[in-house]
Amino acid sequence: MRFAGIGRPAEPSAVDITADKDAAFCKPLYENQFTGSWTLYDLRALRANFSNYGKIEPELERVIFGYDFAVLIPDPKASHPLD
């Protein structure tokens, strides 16, 4: 849902995180997710040989070392509109 203007109800809006330039650092995760299904990445497994991966975006490095898991959900939908 997105803001539709003062006094108007929120409108449905498509979410395309792959087109978001601020989330481009997660492109390796998006490109390798399961089609049409949730994808769970165990980020702990990426830490052991991290130096072997070559150049990694600093933002993705922070995700890998800052979180244990990443979950990608295709076509997310709100269970109900926010008031």
PDB file of N, CA and C in Angstrom:
ATOM      1  N   MET A   1       0.854  -1.170   0.000  1.00  0.00           N
ATOM      2  CA  MET A   1       0.000   0.000   0.000  1.00  0.00           C
ATOM      3  C   MET A   1       0.906   1.241   0.000  1.00  0.00           C
ATOM      4  N   ARG A   2       0.430   2.269  -0.650  1.00  0.00           N
ATOM      5  CA  ARG A   2       1.197   3.505  -0.666  1.00  0.00           C
ATOM      6  C   ARG A   2       0.281   4.688  -0.415  1.00  0.00           C
ATOM      7  N   PHE A   3       0.872   5.784  -0.004  1.00  0.00           N
ATOM      8  CA  PHE A   3       0.144   7.019   0.273  1.00  0.00           C
ATOM      9  C   PHE A   3      -0.462   7.540  -1.017  1.00  0.00           C
ATOM     10  N   ALA A   4      -1.762   7.863  -0.993  1.00  0.00           N
ATOM     11  CA  ALA A   4      -2.469   8.317  -2.195  1.00  0.00           C
ATOM     12  C   ALA A   4      -2.867   9.787  -2.101  1.00  0.00           C
ATOM     13  N   GLY A   5      -2.563  10.420  -1.015  1.00  0.00           N
ATOM     14  CA  GLY A   5      -2.921  11.826  -0.840  1.00  0.00           C
ATOM     15  C   GLY A   5      -3.688  12.033   0.446  1.00  0.00           C
ATOM     16  N   ILE A   6      -3.710  13.254   0.899  1.00  0.00           N
ATOM     17  CA  ILE A   6      -4.381  13.593   2.148  1.00  0.00           C
ATOM     18  C   ILE A   6      -5.875  13.314   2.019  1.00  0.00           C
ATOM     19  N   GLY A   7      -6.416  12.570   2.968  1.00  0.00           N
ATOM     20  CA  GLY A   7      -7.826  12.256   2.995  1.00  0.00           C
ATOM     21  C   GLY A   7      -8.246  11.114   2.082  1.00  0.00           C
ATOM     22  N   ARG A   8      -7.316  10.542   1.359  1.00  0.00           N
ATOM     23  CA  ARG A   8      -7.638   9.426   0.467  1.00  0.00           C
ATOM     24  C   ARG A   8      -7.142   8.122   1.090  1.00  0.00           C
ATOM     25  N   PRO A   9      -7.817   7.022   0.801  1.00  0.00           N
ATOM     26  CA  PRO A   9      -7.333   5.735   1.314  1.00  0.00           C
ATOM     27  C   PRO A   9      -6.047   5.324   0.581  1.00  0.00           C
ATOM     28  N   ALA A  10      -5.242   4.541   1.247  1.00  0.00           N
ATOM     29  CA  ALA A  10      -4.003   4.056   0.637  1.00  0.00           C
ATOM     30  C   ALA A  10      -4.332   3.216  -0.590  1.00  0.00           C
ATOM     31  N   GLU A  11      -3.422   3.228  -1.553  1.00  0.00           N
ATOM     32  CA  GLU A  11      -3.615   2.477  -2.797  1.00  0.00           C
ATOM     33  C   GLU A  11      -2.625   1.319  -2.872  1.00  0.00           C
ATOM     34  N   PRO A  12      -3.044   0.221  -3.476  1.00  0.00           N
ATOM     35  CA  PRO A  12      -2.093  -0.872  -3.690  1.00  0.00           C
ATOM     36  C   PRO A  12      -0.957  -0.409  -4.611  1.00  0.00           C
ATOM     37  N   SER A  13       0.211  -0.903  -4.345  1.00  0.00           N
ATOM     38  CA  SER A  13       1.372  -0.528  -5.148  1.00  0.00           C
ATOM     39  C   SER A  13       2.278  -1.742  -5.312  1.00  0.00           C
ATOM     40  N   ALA A  14       2.737  -1.959  -6.520  1.00  0.00           N
ATOM     41  CA  ALA A  14       3.651  -3.079  -6.774  1.00  0.00           C
ATOM     42  C   ALA A  14       5.004  -2.805  -6.120  1.00  0.00           C
ATOM     43  N   VAL A  15       5.642  -3.851  -5.660  1.00  0.00           N
ATOM     44  CA  VAL A  15       6.964  -3.747  -5.051  1.00  0.00           C
ATOM     45  C   VAL A  15       7.948  -4.480  -5.944  1.00  0.00           C
ATOM     46  N   ASP A  16       8.919  -3.744  -6.463  1.00  0.00           N
ATOM     47  CA  ASP A  16       9.971  -4.354  -7.280  1.00  0.00           C
ATOM     48  C   ASP A  16      11.312  -3.971  -6.682  1.00  0.00           C
ATOM     49  N   ILE A  17      11.736  -4.728  -5.698  1.00  0.00           N
ATOM     50  CA  ILE A  17      12.975  -4.418  -4.985  1.00  0.00           C
ATOM     51  C   ILE A  17      14.194  -4.516  -5.894  1.00  0.00           C
ATOM     52  N   THR A  18      14.105  -5.317  -6.951  1.00  0.00           N
ATOM     53  CA  THR A  18      15.241  -5.453  -7.867  1.00  0.00           C
ATOM     54  C   THR A  18      15.479  -4.169  -8.653  1.00  0.00           C
ATOM     55  N   ALA A  19      14.470  -3.313  -8.775  1.00  0.00           N
ATOM     56  CA  ALA A  19      14.625  -2.051  -9.491  1.00  0.00           C
ATOM     57  C   ALA A  19      15.037  -0.908  -8.562  1.00  0.00           C
ATOM     58  N   ASP A  20      15.062  -1.161  -7.262  1.00  0.00           N
ATOM     59  CA  ASP A  20      15.417  -0.135  -6.281  1.00  0.00           C
ATOM     60  C   ASP A  20      16.929   0.024  -6.234  1.00  0.00           C
ATOM     61  N   LYS A  21      17.426   1.186  -6.655  1.00  0.00           N
ATOM     62  CA  LYS A  21      18.881   1.393  -6.705  1.00  0.00           C
ATOM     63  C   LYS A  21      19.519   1.356  -5.317  1.00  0.00           C
ATOM     64  N   ASP A  22      18.742   1.651  -4.271  1.00  0.00           N
ATOM     65  CA  ASP A  22      19.279   1.594  -2.913  1.00  0.00           C
ATOM     66  C   ASP A  22      19.443   0.165  -2.408  1.00  0.00           C
ATOM     67  N   ALA A  23      18.807  -0.787  -3.068  1.00  0.00           N
ATOM     68  CA  ALA A  23      18.903  -2.197  -2.674  1.00  0.00           C
ATOM     69  C   ALA A  23      19.720  -3.006  -3.681  1.00  0.00           C
ATOM     70  N   ALA A  24      20.417  -2.328  -4.575  1.00  0.00           N
ATOM     71  CA  ALA A  24      21.182  -3.022  -5.619  1.00  0.00           C
ATOM     72  C   ALA A  24      22.290  -3.912  -5.045  1.00  0.00           C
ATOM     73  N   PHE A  25      22.759  -3.626  -3.858  1.00  0.00           N
ATOM     74  CA  PHE A  25      23.817  -4.424  -3.253  1.00  0.00           C
ATOM     75  C   PHE A  25      23.364  -5.857  -2.977  1.00  0.00           C
ATOM     76  N   CYS A  26      22.067  -6.088  -2.886  1.00  0.00           N
ATOM     77  CA  CYS A  26      21.534  -7.430  -2.633  1.00  0.00           C
ATOM     78  C   CYS A  26      21.247  -8.191  -3.918  1.00  0.00           C
ATOM     79  N   LYS A  27      21.683  -7.665  -5.041  1.00  0.00           N
ATOM     80  CA  LYS A  27      21.418  -8.301  -6.330  1.00  0.00           C
ATOM     81  C   LYS A  27      21.834  -9.771  -6.365  1.00  0.00           C
ATOM     82  N   PRO A  28      22.984 -10.172  -5.798  1.00  0.00           N
ATOM     83  CA  PRO A  28      23.333 -11.606  -5.816  1.00  0.00           C
ATOM     84  C   PRO A  28      22.289 -12.482  -5.121  1.00  0.00           C
ATOM     85  N   LEU A  29      21.642 -11.963  -4.106  1.00  0.00           N
ATOM     86  CA  LEU A  29      20.601 -12.733  -3.417  1.00  0.00           C
ATOM     87  C   LEU A  29      19.355 -12.836  -4.285  1.00  0.00           C
ATOM     88  N   TYR A  30      18.942 -11.716  -4.887  1.00  0.00           N
ATOM     89  CA  TYR A  30      17.746 -11.718  -5.739  1.00  0.00           C
ATOM     90  C   TYR A  30      17.922 -12.618  -6.953  1.00  0.00           C
ATOM     91  N   GLU A  31      19.110 -12.594  -7.537  1.00  0.00           N
ATOM     92  CA  GLU A  31      19.351 -13.372  -8.755  1.00  0.00           C
ATOM     93  C   GLU A  31      19.369 -14.876  -8.509  1.00  0.00           C
ATOM     94  N   ASN A  32      19.549 -15.276  -7.257  1.00  0.00           N
ATOM     95  CA  ASN A  32      19.646 -16.700  -6.942  1.00  0.00           C
ATOM     96  C   ASN A  32      18.496 -17.219  -6.087  1.00  0.00           C
ATOM     97  N   GLN A  33      17.431 -16.442  -5.979  1.00  0.00           N
ATOM     98  CA  GLN A  33      16.295 -16.909  -5.184  1.00  0.00           C
ATOM     99  C   GLN A  33      15.455 -17.899  -5.980  1.00  0.00           C
ATOM    100  N   PHE A  34      14.696 -18.720  -5.270  1.00  0.00           N
ATOM    101  CA  PHE A  34      13.784 -19.665  -5.899  1.00  0.00           C
ATOM    102  C   PHE A  34      12.657 -18.889  -6.576  1.00  0.00           C
ATOM    103  N   THR A  35      12.236 -19.336  -7.735  1.00  0.00           N
ATOM    104  CA  THR A  35      11.151 -18.684  -8.454  1.00  0.00           C
ATOM    105  C   THR A  35       9.810 -19.028  -7.818  1.00  0.00           C
ATOM    106  N   GLY A  36       9.050 -18.002  -7.451  1.00  0.00           N
ATOM    107  CA  GLY A  36       7.706 -18.204  -6.924  1.00  0.00           C
ATOM    108  C   GLY A  36       7.638 -18.816  -5.544  1.00  0.00           C
ATOM    109  N   SER A  37       8.733 -18.842  -4.809  1.00  0.00           N
ATOM    110  CA  SER A  37       8.743 -19.456  -3.487  1.00  0.00           C
ATOM    111  C   SER A  37       9.637 -18.643  -2.554  1.00  0.00           C
ATOM    112  N   TRP A  38       9.394 -18.769  -1.277  1.00  0.00           N
ATOM    113  CA  TRP A  38      10.264 -18.111  -0.301  1.00  0.00           C
ATOM    114  C   TRP A  38      11.666 -18.702  -0.415  1.00  0.00           C
ATOM    115  N   THR A  39      12.669 -17.861  -0.182  1.00  0.00           N
ATOM    116  CA  THR A  39      14.058 -18.305  -0.209  1.00  0.00           C
ATOM    117  C   THR A  39      14.715 -17.898   1.101  1.00  0.00           C
ATOM    118  N   LEU A  40      15.336 -18.852   1.768  1.00  0.00           N
ATOM    119  CA  LEU A  40      16.048 -18.598   3.018  1.00  0.00           C
ATOM    120  C   LEU A  40      17.538 -18.760   2.770  1.00  0.00           C
ATOM    121  N   TYR A  41      18.303 -17.733   3.071  1.00  0.00           N
ATOM    122  CA  TYR A  41      19.764 -17.795   2.974  1.00  0.00           C
ATOM    123  C   TYR A  41      20.339 -17.875   4.380  1.00  0.00           C
ATOM    124  N   ASP A  42      21.187 -18.851   4.612  1.00  0.00           N
ATOM    125  CA  ASP A  42      21.931 -18.949   5.865  1.00  0.00           C
ATOM    126  C   ASP A  42      23.218 -18.160   5.654  1.00  0.00           C
ATOM    127  N   LEU A  43      23.240 -16.932   6.105  1.00  0.00           N
ATOM    128  CA  LEU A  43      24.374 -16.041   5.872  1.00  0.00           C
ATOM    129  C   LEU A  43      25.610 -16.443   6.670  1.00  0.00           C
ATOM    130  N   ARG A  44      25.420 -17.226   7.714  1.00  0.00           N
ATOM    131  CA  ARG A  44      26.561 -17.672   8.520  1.00  0.00           C
ATOM    132  C   ARG A  44      27.533 -18.486   7.676  1.00  0.00           C
ATOM    133  N   ALA A  45      27.005 -19.242   6.708  1.00  0.00           N
ATOM    134  CA  ALA A  45      27.843 -20.092   5.862  1.00  0.00           C
ATOM    135  C   ALA A  45      28.743 -19.267   4.948  1.00  0.00           C
ATOM    136  N   LEU A  46      28.365 -18.026   4.675  1.00  0.00           N
ATOM    137  CA  LEU A  46      29.166 -17.177   3.787  1.00  0.00           C
ATOM    138  C   LEU A  46      30.361 -16.536   4.491  1.00  0.00           C
ATOM    139  N   ARG A  47      30.377 -16.581   5.793  1.00  0.00           N
ATOM    140  CA  ARG A  47      31.429 -15.894   6.552  1.00  0.00           C
ATOM    141  C   ARG A  47      32.766 -16.628   6.543  1.00  0.00           C
ATOM    142  N   ALA A  48      32.742 -17.947   6.520  1.00  0.00           N
ATOM    143  CA  ALA A  48      33.969 -18.743   6.660  1.00  0.00           C
ATOM    144  C   ALA A  48      34.998 -18.439   5.575  1.00  0.00           C
ATOM    145  N   ASN A  49      34.591 -18.381   4.327  1.00  0.00           N
ATOM    146  CA  ASN A  49      35.521 -18.143   3.216  1.00  0.00           C
ATOM    147  C   ASN A  49      35.269 -16.796   2.556  1.00  0.00           C
ATOM    148  N   PHE A  50      34.884 -15.824   3.335  1.00  0.00           N
ATOM    149  CA  PHE A  50      34.488 -14.529   2.796  1.00  0.00           C
ATOM    150  C   PHE A  50      35.576 -13.884   1.944  1.00  0.00           C
ATOM    151  N   SER A  51      36.829 -14.020   2.347  1.00  0.00           N
ATOM    152  CA  SER A  51      37.924 -13.381   1.604  1.00  0.00           C
ATOM    153  C   SER A  51      38.116 -13.979   0.211  1.00  0.00           C
ATOM    154  N   ASN A  52      37.567 -15.151  -0.041  1.00  0.00           N
ATOM    155  CA  ASN A  52      37.711 -15.791  -1.359  1.00  0.00           C
ATOM    156  C   ASN A  52      36.711 -15.279  -2.397  1.00  0.00           C
ATOM    157  N   TYR A  53      35.729 -14.489  -1.991  1.00  0.00           N
ATOM    158  CA  TYR A  53      34.664 -14.072  -2.901  1.00  0.00           C
ATOM    159  C   TYR A  53      35.043 -12.909  -3.805  1.00  0.00           C
ATOM    160  N   GLY A  54      36.147 -12.262  -3.557  1.00  0.00           N
ATOM    161  CA  GLY A  54      36.521 -11.108  -4.369  1.00  0.00           C
ATOM    162  C   GLY A  54      35.826  -9.857  -3.864  1.00  0.00           C
ATOM    163  N   LYS A  55      35.588  -8.924  -4.777  1.00  0.00           N
ATOM    164  CA  LYS A  55      34.990  -7.640  -4.401  1.00  0.00           C
ATOM    165  C   LYS A  55      33.507  -7.822  -4.071  1.00  0.00           C
ATOM    166  N   ILE A  56      33.147  -7.429  -2.872  1.00  0.00           N
ATOM    167  CA  ILE A  56      31.761  -7.482  -2.387  1.00  0.00           C
ATOM    168  C   ILE A  56      31.368  -6.062  -1.987  1.00  0.00           C
ATOM    169  N   GLU A  57      30.160  -5.669  -2.332  1.00  0.00           N
ATOM    170  CA  GLU A  57      29.660  -4.352  -1.931  1.00  0.00           C
ATOM    171  C   GLU A  57      29.704  -4.245  -0.404  1.00  0.00           C
ATOM    172  N   PRO A  58      30.159  -3.119   0.144  1.00  0.00           N
ATOM    173  CA  PRO A  58      30.226  -2.963   1.609  1.00  0.00           C
ATOM    174  C   PRO A  58      28.872  -3.168   2.290  1.00  0.00           C
ATOM    175  N   GLU A  59      27.787  -2.760   1.630  1.00  0.00           N
ATOM    176  CA  GLU A  59      26.454  -2.940   2.224  1.00  0.00           C
ATOM    177  C   GLU A  59      26.099  -4.420   2.344  1.00  0.00           C
ATOM    178  N   LEU A  60      26.457  -5.219   1.333  1.00  0.00           N
ATOM    179  CA  LEU A  60      26.179  -6.656   1.393  1.00  0.00           C
ATOM    180  C   LEU A  60      27.057  -7.310   2.459  1.00  0.00           C
ATOM    181  N   GLU A  61      28.286  -6.849   2.593  1.00  0.00           N
ATOM    182  CA  GLU A  61      29.168  -7.376   3.649  1.00  0.00           C
ATOM    183  C   GLU A  61      28.551  -7.120   5.022  1.00  0.00           C
ATOM    184  N   ARG A  62      27.964  -5.938   5.212  1.00  0.00           N
ATOM    185  CA  ARG A  62      27.308  -5.636   6.494  1.00  0.00           C
ATOM    186  C   ARG A  62      26.124  -6.567   6.734  1.00  0.00           C
ATOM    187  N   VAL A  63      25.386  -6.907   5.691  1.00  0.00           N
ATOM    188  CA  VAL A  63      24.267  -7.839   5.831  1.00  0.00           C
ATOM    189  C   VAL A  63      24.786  -9.218   6.219  1.00  0.00           C
ATOM    190  N   ILE A  64      25.822  -9.688   5.526  1.00  0.00           N
ATOM    191  CA  ILE A  64      26.372 -11.024   5.780  1.00  0.00           C
ATOM    192  C   ILE A  64      26.894 -11.155   7.206  1.00  0.00           C
ATOM    193  N   PHE A  65      27.569 -10.124   7.694  1.00  0.00           N
ATOM    194  CA  PHE A  65      28.142 -10.202   9.042  1.00  0.00           C
ATOM    195  C   PHE A  65      27.206  -9.648  10.125  1.00  0.00           C
ATOM    196  N   GLY A  66      26.129  -8.984   9.718  1.00  0.00           N
ATOM    197  CA  GLY A  66      25.217  -8.395  10.685  1.00  0.00           C
ATOM    198  C   GLY A  66      23.987  -9.233  10.977  1.00  0.00           C
ATOM    199  N   TYR A  67      23.701 -10.189  10.095  1.00  0.00           N
ATOM    200  CA  TYR A  67      22.506 -11.027  10.252  1.00  0.00           C
ATOM    201  C   TYR A  67      22.881 -12.481  10.024  1.00  0.00           C
ATOM    202  N   ASP A  68      22.146 -13.382  10.625  1.00  0.00           N
ATOM    203  CA  ASP A  68      22.394 -14.806  10.426  1.00  0.00           C
ATOM    204  C   ASP A  68      21.632 -15.358   9.232  1.00  0.00           C
ATOM    205  N   PHE A  69      20.457 -14.802   8.959  1.00  0.00           N
ATOM    206  CA  PHE A  69      19.620 -15.309   7.876  1.00  0.00           C
ATOM    207  C   PHE A  69      19.023 -14.153   7.087  1.00  0.00           C
ATOM    208  N   ALA A  70      18.738 -14.401   5.818  1.00  0.00           N
ATOM    209  CA  ALA A  70      17.982 -13.471   4.967  1.00  0.00           C
ATOM    210  C   ALA A  70      16.852 -14.268   4.335  1.00  0.00           C
ATOM    211  N   VAL A  71      15.664 -13.717   4.359  1.00  0.00           N
ATOM    212  CA  VAL A  71      14.495 -14.363   3.763  1.00  0.00           C
ATOM    213  C   VAL A  71      13.959 -13.458   2.671  1.00  0.00           C
ATOM    214  N   LEU A  72      13.841 -14.003   1.467  1.00  0.00           N
ATOM    215  CA  LEU A  72      13.249 -13.271   0.358  1.00  0.00           C
ATOM    216  C   LEU A  72      11.874 -13.855   0.082  1.00  0.00           C
ATOM    217  N   ILE A  73      10.881 -12.980   0.023  1.00  0.00           N
ATOM    218  CA  ILE A  73       9.498 -13.400  -0.164  1.00  0.00           C
ATOM    219  C   ILE A  73       9.004 -12.828  -1.493  1.00  0.00           C
ATOM    220  N   PRO A  74       8.664 -13.687  -2.452  1.00  0.00           N
ATOM    221  CA  PRO A  74       8.181 -13.164  -3.727  1.00  0.00           C
ATOM    222  C   PRO A  74       6.747 -12.647  -3.596  1.00  0.00           C
ATOM    223  N   ASP A  75       6.465 -11.559  -4.273  1.00  0.00           N
ATOM    224  CA  ASP A  75       5.120 -10.996  -4.326  1.00  0.00           C
ATOM    225  C   ASP A  75       4.493 -10.844  -2.937  1.00  0.00           C
ATOM    226  N   PRO A  76       5.135 -10.071  -2.037  1.00  0.00           N
ATOM    227  CA  PRO A  76       4.579  -9.909  -0.690  1.00  0.00           C
ATOM    228  C   PRO A  76       3.287  -9.100  -0.723  1.00  0.00           C
ATOM    229  N   LYS A  77       2.383  -9.444   0.155  1.00  0.00           N
ATOM    230  CA  LYS A  77       1.104  -8.737   0.256  1.00  0.00           C
ATOM    231  C   LYS A  77       0.776  -8.524   1.737  1.00  0.00           C
ATOM    232  N   ALA A  78       0.201  -7.382   2.015  1.00  0.00           N
ATOM    233  CA  ALA A  78      -0.219  -7.084   3.377  1.00  0.00           C
ATOM    234  C   ALA A  78      -1.441  -7.939   3.739  1.00  0.00           C
ATOM    235  N   SER A  79      -1.519  -8.375   4.975  1.00  0.00           N
ATOM    236  CA  SER A  79      -2.673  -9.155   5.403  1.00  0.00           C
ATOM    237  C   SER A  79      -3.917  -8.281   5.531  1.00  0.00           C
ATOM    238  N   HIS A  80      -3.720  -6.991   5.798  1.00  0.00           N
ATOM    239  CA  HIS A  80      -4.823  -6.045   5.860  1.00  0.00           C
ATOM    240  C   HIS A  80      -4.248  -4.630   5.678  1.00  0.00           C
ATOM    241  N   PRO A  81      -5.068  -3.691   5.239  1.00  0.00           N
ATOM    242  CA  PRO A  81      -4.583  -2.312   5.056  1.00  0.00           C
ATOM    243  C   PRO A  81      -4.211  -1.679   6.390  1.00  0.00           C
ATOM    244  N   LEU A  82      -3.184  -0.860   6.374  1.00  0.00           N
ATOM    245  CA  LEU A  82      -2.814  -0.115   7.571  1.00  0.00           C
ATOM    246  C   LEU A  82      -3.739   1.086   7.706  1.00  0.00           C
ATOM    247  N   ASP A  83      -4.179   1.353   8.903  1.00  0.00           N
ATOM    248  CA  ASP A  83      -5.050   2.514   9.133  1.00  0.00           C
ATOM    249  C   ASP A  83      -4.224   3.727   9.469  1.00  0.00           C
TER     250      ASP A  83
END
